[in-house]
PDB file of N, CA and C in Angstrom:
ATOM      1  N   MET A   1     -16.711  42.663  -2.163  1.00  0.00           N
ATOM      2  CA  MET A   1     -17.651  41.616  -1.432  1.00  0.00           C
ATOM      3  C   MET A   1     -18.265  40.407  -1.871  1.00  0.00           C
ATOM      4  N   LEU A   2     -18.792  40.395  -3.309  1.00  0.00           N
ATOM      5  CA  LEU A   2     -18.972  39.344  -3.630  1.00  0.00           C
ATOM      6  C   LEU A   2     -17.614  38.419  -4.062  1.00  0.00           C
ATOM      7  N   THR A   3     -16.705  39.198  -4.706  1.00  0.00           N
ATOM      8  CA  THR A   3     -15.302  38.283  -4.891  1.00  0.00           C
ATOM      9  C   THR A   3     -15.072  37.669  -3.463  1.00  0.00           C
ATOM     10  N   THR A   4     -14.686  37.843  -2.317  1.00  0.00           N
ATOM     11  CA  THR A   4     -14.611  37.313  -1.319  1.00  0.00           C
ATOM     12  C   THR A   4     -15.279  36.469  -1.084  1.00  0.00           C
ATOM     13  N   ILE A   5     -16.907  36.292  -1.102  1.00  0.00           N
ATOM     14  CA  ILE A   5     -17.886  35.446  -0.868  1.00  0.00           C
ATOM     15  C   ILE A   5     -17.158  34.362  -1.916  1.00  0.00           C
ATOM     16  N   ALA A   6     -17.112  34.560  -3.143  1.00  0.00           N
ATOM     17  CA  ALA A   6     -16.761  33.413  -4.078  1.00  0.00           C
ATOM     18  C   ALA A   6     -15.475  33.071  -3.699  1.00  0.00           C
ATOM     19  N   VAL A   7     -14.699  33.505  -3.243  1.00  0.00           N
ATOM     20  CA  VAL A   7     -13.100  33.062  -2.764  1.00  0.00           C
ATOM     21  C   VAL A   7     -13.101  32.163  -1.757  1.00  0.00           C
ATOM     22  N   HIS A   8     -14.326  32.248  -0.704  1.00  0.00           N
ATOM     23  CA  HIS A   8     -14.473  31.494   0.590  1.00  0.00           C
ATOM     24  C   HIS A   8     -15.153  30.154  -0.104  1.00  0.00           C
ATOM     25  N   VAL A   9     -16.337  30.331  -0.801  1.00  0.00           N
ATOM     26  CA  VAL A   9     -16.994  29.158  -1.164  1.00  0.00           C
ATOM     27  C   VAL A   9     -16.278  28.206  -2.131  1.00  0.00           C
ATOM     28  N   GLN A  10     -15.046  28.843  -2.935  1.00  0.00           N
ATOM     29  CA  GLN A  10     -14.226  27.905  -3.698  1.00  0.00           C
ATOM     30  C   GLN A  10     -13.019  27.171  -2.825  1.00  0.00           C
ATOM     31  N   ALA A  11     -12.788  27.872  -1.645  1.00  0.00           N
ATOM     32  CA  ALA A  11     -12.062  27.503  -0.808  1.00  0.00           C
ATOM     33  C   ALA A  11     -12.660  26.345   0.146  1.00  0.00           C
ATOM     34  N   LEU A  12     -13.829  26.438   0.410  1.00  0.00           N
ATOM     35  CA  LEU A  12     -14.440  25.339   1.009  1.00  0.00           C
ATOM     36  C   LEU A  12     -14.757  24.319   0.340  1.00  0.00           C
ATOM     37  N   TRP A  13     -15.053  24.535  -1.168  1.00  0.00           N
ATOM     38  CA  TRP A  13     -15.187  23.305  -2.144  1.00  0.00           C
ATOM     39  C   TRP A  13     -14.033  22.343  -2.190  1.00  0.00           C
ATOM     40  N   LEU A  14     -13.086  23.368  -2.126  1.00  0.00           N
ATOM     41  CA  LEU A  14     -11.688  22.532  -2.887  1.00  0.00           C
ATOM     42  C   LEU A  14     -10.995  21.717  -1.390  1.00  0.00           C
ATOM     43  N   SER A  15     -11.273  22.411  -0.066  1.00  0.00           N
ATOM     44  CA  SER A  15     -11.080  21.616   0.956  1.00  0.00           C
ATOM     45  C   SER A  15     -11.497  20.301   1.177  1.00  0.00           C
ATOM     46  N   ARG A  16     -13.078  20.470   0.600  1.00  0.00           N
ATOM     47  CA  ARG A  16     -13.859  19.066   0.872  1.00  0.00           C
ATOM     48  C   ARG A  16     -13.314  18.236  -0.324  1.00  0.00           C
ATOM     49  N   THR A  17     -13.097  18.747  -1.558  1.00  0.00           N
ATOM     50  CA  THR A  17     -12.645  17.614  -2.493  1.00  0.00           C
ATOM     51  C   THR A  17     -11.213  17.052  -2.398  1.00  0.00           C
ATOM     52  N   ALA A  18     -10.403  17.856  -1.497  1.00  0.00           N
ATOM     53  CA  ALA A  18      -9.215  17.306  -1.246  1.00  0.00           C
ATOM     54  C   ALA A  18      -9.347  16.167  -0.010  1.00  0.00           C
ATOM     55  N   ALA A  19     -10.147  16.725   1.050  1.00  0.00           N
ATOM     56  CA  ALA A  19     -10.451  15.352   1.980  1.00  0.00           C
ATOM     57  C   ALA A  19     -11.259  14.270   1.422  1.00  0.00           C
ATOM     58  N   ALA A  20     -12.113  14.308   0.651  1.00  0.00           N
ATOM     59  CA  ALA A  20     -12.583  13.192  -0.370  1.00  0.00           C
ATOM     60  C   ALA A  20     -11.270  12.260  -1.043  1.00  0.00           C
ATOM     61  N   ASP A  21     -10.532  13.048  -1.692  1.00  0.00           N
ATOM     62  CA  ASP A  21      -9.060  12.405  -2.277  1.00  0.00           C
ATOM     63  C   ASP A  21      -8.544  11.777  -1.240  1.00  0.00           C
ATOM     64  N   GLU A  22      -8.251  12.307  -0.139  1.00  0.00           N
ATOM     65  CA  GLU A  22      -7.539  11.641   0.765  1.00  0.00           C
ATOM     66  C   GLU A  22      -8.092  10.334   1.443  1.00  0.00           C
ATOM     67  N   ARG A  23      -9.104  10.221   1.670  1.00  0.00           N
ATOM     68  CA  ARG A  23     -10.052   8.957   2.044  1.00  0.00           C
ATOM     69  C   ARG A  23      -9.751   8.131   1.059  1.00  0.00           C
ATOM     70  N   GLY A  24      -9.721   8.350  -0.183  1.00  0.00           N
ATOM     71  CA  GLY A  24      -9.368   7.388  -1.062  1.00  0.00           C
ATOM     72  C   GLY A  24      -8.429   6.763  -1.296  1.00  0.00           C
ATOM     73  N   GLN A  25      -7.142   7.742  -1.045  1.00  0.00           N
ATOM     74  CA  GLN A  25      -5.839   7.042  -0.859  1.00  0.00           C
ATOM     75  C   GLN A  25      -5.682   6.295   0.320  1.00  0.00           C
ATOM     76  N   THR A  26      -6.644   6.679   1.379  1.00  0.00           N
ATOM     77  CA  THR A  26      -6.120   5.939   2.960  1.00  0.00           C
ATOM     78  C   THR A  26      -6.798   4.568   2.408  1.00  0.00           C
ATOM     79  N   SER A  27      -7.934   4.332   1.675  1.00  0.00           N
ATOM     80  CA  SER A  27      -8.358   3.267   1.456  1.00  0.00           C
ATOM     81  C   SER A  27      -7.535   2.356   0.432  1.00  0.00           C
ATOM     82  N   ALA A  28      -6.869   2.938  -0.522  1.00  0.00           N
ATOM     83  CA  ALA A  28      -6.076   2.156  -1.485  1.00  0.00           C
ATOM     84  C   ALA A  28      -4.993   1.668  -0.472  1.00  0.00           C
ATOM     85  N   GLU A  29      -3.946   2.420   0.448  1.00  0.00           N
ATOM     86  CA  GLU A  29      -3.062   2.011   0.954  1.00  0.00           C
ATOM     87  C   GLU A  29      -3.609   1.202   1.946  1.00  0.00           C
ATOM     88  N   TYR A  30      -4.775   1.027   2.601  1.00  0.00           N
ATOM     89  CA  TYR A  30      -5.121   0.086   3.193  1.00  0.00           C
ATOM     90  C   TYR A  30      -5.346  -1.246   2.659  1.00  0.00           C
ATOM     91  N   ALA A  31      -5.948  -1.577   1.246  1.00  0.00           N
ATOM     92  CA  ALA A  31      -6.120  -2.198   0.427  1.00  0.00           C
ATOM     93  C   ALA A  31      -4.619  -3.005   0.100  1.00  0.00           C
ATOM     94  N   LEU A  32      -3.550  -2.030   0.081  1.00  0.00           N
ATOM     95  CA  LEU A  32      -2.219  -2.738  -0.535  1.00  0.00           C
ATOM     96  C   LEU A  32      -1.321  -3.549   0.605  1.00  0.00           C
ATOM     97  N   VAL A  33      -1.932  -2.717   2.092  1.00  0.00           N
ATOM     98  CA  VAL A  33      -1.450  -3.674   3.129  1.00  0.00           C
ATOM     99  C   VAL A  33      -2.028  -4.866   3.256  1.00  0.00           C
ATOM    100  N   LEU A  34      -3.352  -4.911   3.147  1.00  0.00           N
ATOM    101  CA  LEU A  34      -3.970  -6.330   3.299  1.00  0.00           C
ATOM    102  C   LEU A  34      -3.669  -7.346   2.429  1.00  0.00           C
ATOM    103  N   LEU A  35      -2.964  -7.094   0.958  1.00  0.00           N
ATOM    104  CA  LEU A  35      -2.889  -7.808  -0.128  1.00  0.00           C
ATOM    105  C   LEU A  35      -1.085  -8.100   0.360  1.00  0.00           C
ATOM    106  N   GLY A  36      -0.403  -7.288   1.060  1.00  0.00           N
ATOM    107  CA  GLY A  36       0.570  -7.722   1.205  1.00  0.00           C
ATOM    108  C   GLY A  36       0.852  -8.623   2.345  1.00  0.00           C
ATOM    109  N   ALA A  37      -0.392  -8.499   3.235  1.00  0.00           N
ATOM    110  CA  ALA A  37      -0.275  -9.440   4.274  1.00  0.00           C
ATOM    111  C   ALA A  37      -0.589 -10.620   3.841  1.00  0.00           C
ATOM    112  N   ALA A  38      -1.849 -10.899   3.066  1.00  0.00           N
ATOM    113  CA  ALA A  38      -2.083 -11.940   2.430  1.00  0.00           C
ATOM    114  C   ALA A  38      -0.896 -12.716   1.765  1.00  0.00           C
ATOM    115  N   ALA A  39      -0.226 -11.966   1.049  1.00  0.00           N
ATOM    116  CA  ALA A  39       1.079 -12.500   0.357  1.00  0.00           C
ATOM    117  C   ALA A  39       2.065 -13.217   1.255  1.00  0.00           C
ATOM    118  N   VAL A  40       1.975 -12.595   2.467  1.00  0.00           N
ATOM    119  CA  VAL A  40       3.062 -13.025   3.367  1.00  0.00           C
ATOM    120  C   VAL A  40       2.714 -14.414   3.963  1.00  0.00           C
ATOM    121  N   GLU A  41       1.212 -14.110   4.329  1.00  0.00           N
ATOM    122  CA  GLU A  41       0.526 -15.476   5.032  1.00  0.00           C
ATOM    123  C   GLU A  41       0.521 -16.652   4.087  1.00  0.00           C
ATOM    124  N   LEU A  42       0.342 -16.299   2.672  1.00  0.00           N
ATOM    125  CA  LEU A  42       0.679 -17.440   1.585  1.00  0.00           C
ATOM    126  C   LEU A  42       1.787 -18.163   1.567  1.00  0.00           C
ATOM    127  N   LEU A  43       2.888 -17.178   1.629  1.00  0.00           N
ATOM    128  CA  LEU A  43       4.129 -17.697   1.810  1.00  0.00           C
ATOM    129  C   LEU A  43       4.506 -18.872   3.236  1.00  0.00           C
ATOM    130  N   ILE A  44       3.756 -18.190   3.970  1.00  0.00           N
ATOM    131  CA  ILE A  44       4.165 -19.036   5.351  1.00  0.00           C
ATOM    132  C   ILE A  44       2.987 -20.118   5.276  1.00  0.00           C
ATOM    133  N   VAL A  45       2.088 -20.135   4.693  1.00  0.00           N
ATOM    134  CA  VAL A  45       1.120 -21.684   4.757  1.00  0.00           C
ATOM    135  C   VAL A  45       1.852 -22.547   3.784  1.00  0.00           C
ATOM    136  N   GLY A  46       2.467 -21.901   2.591  1.00  0.00           N
ATOM    137  CA  GLY A  46       3.187 -22.725   1.526  1.00  0.00           C
ATOM    138  C   GLY A  46       4.708 -23.388   2.078  1.00  0.00           C
ATOM    139  N   TRP A  47       4.902 -22.454   2.934  1.00  0.00           N
ATOM    140  CA  TRP A  47       6.659 -22.948   3.548  1.00  0.00           C
ATOM    141  C   TRP A  47       6.268 -24.182   4.578  1.00  0.00           C
ATOM    142  N   ALA A  48       4.855 -24.259   5.459  1.00  0.00           N
ATOM    143  CA  ALA A  48       4.410 -25.128   6.157  1.00  0.00           C
ATOM    144  C   ALA A  48       3.999 -26.503   5.493  1.00  0.00           C
ATOM    145  N   THR A  49       3.556 -26.329   4.390  1.00  0.00           N
ATOM    146  CA  THR A  49       3.046 -27.353   3.723  1.00  0.00           C
ATOM    147  C   THR A  49       4.085 -27.855   2.819  1.00  0.00           C
ATOM    148  N   HIS A  50       4.840 -27.220   2.123  1.00  0.00           N
ATOM    149  CA  HIS A  50       5.929 -27.611   1.013  1.00  0.00           C
ATOM    150  C   HIS A  50       7.084 -27.013   1.399  1.00  0.00           C
ATOM    151  N   PRO A  51       7.904 -27.133   2.665  1.00  0.00           N
ATOM    152  CA  PRO A  51       9.086 -26.524   2.941  1.00  0.00           C
ATOM    153  C   PRO A  51      10.153 -26.342   1.958  1.00  0.00           C
ATOM    154  N   THR A  52      10.285 -27.266   1.075  1.00  0.00           N
ATOM    155  CA  THR A  52      11.636 -27.160   0.556  1.00  0.00           C
ATOM    156  C   THR A  52      11.419 -26.100  -0.914  1.00  0.00           C
ATOM    157  N   ARG A  53       9.952 -25.992  -1.493  1.00  0.00           N
ATOM    158  CA  ARG A  53       9.978 -25.410  -2.626  1.00  0.00           C
ATOM    159  C   ARG A  53       9.758 -23.782  -2.043  1.00  0.00           C
ATOM    160  N   VAL A  54       8.909 -23.468  -1.079  1.00  0.00           N
ATOM    161  CA  VAL A  54       9.265 -21.999  -0.669  1.00  0.00           C
ATOM    162  C   VAL A  54      10.232 -21.880   0.060  1.00  0.00           C
ATOM    163  N   GLY A  55      10.929 -22.631   0.549  1.00  0.00           N
ATOM    164  CA  GLY A  55      12.424 -22.423   1.435  1.00  0.00           C
ATOM    165  C   GLY A  55      13.411 -22.343   0.143  1.00  0.00           C
ATOM    166  N   LYS A  56      13.518 -22.577  -1.061  1.00  0.00           N
ATOM    167  CA  LYS A  56      14.240 -22.199  -1.917  1.00  0.00           C
ATOM    168  C   LYS A  56      13.748 -20.883  -2.548  1.00  0.00           C
ATOM    169  N   LEU A  57      12.906 -20.666  -2.655  1.00  0.00           N
ATOM    170  CA  LEU A  57      11.847 -19.384  -3.063  1.00  0.00           C
ATOM    171  C   LEU A  57      12.796 -18.687  -2.210  1.00  0.00           C
ATOM    172  N   LEU A  58      12.471 -18.362  -1.192  1.00  0.00           N
ATOM    173  CA  LEU A  58      12.732 -17.270  -0.054  1.00  0.00           C
ATOM    174  C   LEU A  58      14.331 -17.135   0.143  1.00  0.00           C
ATOM    175  N   ASP A  59      15.125 -18.446  -0.205  1.00  0.00           N
ATOM    176  CA  ASP A  59      16.473 -18.533  -0.341  1.00  0.00           C
ATOM    177  C   ASP A  59      17.010 -17.586  -1.361  1.00  0.00           C
ATOM    178  N   SER A  60      16.378 -17.812  -2.498  1.00  0.00           N
ATOM    179  CA  SER A  60      16.902 -17.383  -3.763  1.00  0.00           C
ATOM    180  C   SER A  60      16.646 -15.830  -3.525  1.00  0.00           C
ATOM    181  N   VAL A  61      15.385 -15.277  -3.307  1.00  0.00           N
ATOM    182  CA  VAL A  61      15.124 -13.863  -2.960  1.00  0.00           C
ATOM    183  C   VAL A  61      15.937 -13.204  -1.948  1.00  0.00           C
ATOM    184  N   LEU A  62      16.292 -14.011  -0.733  1.00  0.00           N
ATOM    185  CA  LEU A  62      17.055 -13.211   0.240  1.00  0.00           C
ATOM    186  C   LEU A  62      18.363 -12.907  -0.412  1.00  0.00           C
ATOM    187  N   ASP A  63      19.196 -14.096  -1.122  1.00  0.00           N
ATOM    188  CA  ASP A  63      20.520 -14.239  -1.723  1.00  0.00           C
ATOM    189  C   ASP A  63      20.576 -13.049  -2.797  1.00  0.00           C
ATOM    190  N   ASN A  64      19.448 -12.689  -3.774  1.00  0.00           N
ATOM    191  CA  ASN A  64      19.356 -11.531  -4.549  1.00  0.00           C
ATOM    192  C   ASN A  64      19.560 -10.486  -3.878  1.00  0.00           C
ATOM    193  N   ILE A  65      18.883 -10.178  -2.803  1.00  0.00           N
ATOM    194  CA  ILE A  65      18.839  -8.927  -2.123  1.00  0.00           C
ATOM    195  C   ILE A  65      20.127  -8.758  -1.635  1.00  0.00           C
ATOM    196  N   ARG A  66      20.768  -9.692  -0.857  1.00  0.00           N
ATOM    197  CA  ARG A  66      21.871  -9.774  -0.341  1.00  0.00           C
ATOM    198  C   ARG A  66      22.884  -9.091  -1.194  1.00  0.00           C
ATOM    199  N   ASP A  67      22.937 -10.062  -2.324  1.00  0.00           N
ATOM    200  CA  ASP A  67      24.126  -9.681  -3.573  1.00  0.00           C
ATOM    201  C   ASP A  67      23.971  -7.992  -4.279  1.00  0.00           C
ATOM    202  N   LYS A  68      22.532  -7.641  -4.154  1.00  0.00           N
ATOM    203  CA  LYS A  68      22.318  -6.314  -4.550  1.00  0.00           C
ATOM    204  C   LYS A  68      23.024  -5.543  -3.307  1.00  0.00           C
ATOM    205  N   VAL A  69      22.773  -5.880  -2.293  1.00  0.00           N
ATOM    206  CA  VAL A  69      23.229  -4.639  -1.022  1.00  0.00           C
ATOM    207  C   VAL A  69      24.569  -4.511  -1.204  1.00  0.00           C
ATOM    208  N   LYS A  70      25.269  -5.495  -1.664  1.00  0.00           N
ATOM    209  CA  LYS A  70      27.209  -5.816  -1.530  1.00  0.00           C
ATOM    210  C   LYS A  70      27.624  -4.609  -2.584  1.00  0.00           C
TER     211      LYS A  70
END
């Protein structure tokens, strides 16, 4: 009987610990998405203000990706 109670308490504690860990992971994923969106926004603003510089950067990145896919 006491062992059964101990197992249930441990299972409850582990489930709450896992839920807390997942909340932290979700927050980290959300932060990474925001950083990615900010990076894209900076590229767009840079392209709008200095089209040749950012255009060359994007062209070189896309060319490298295309070369690796071939």
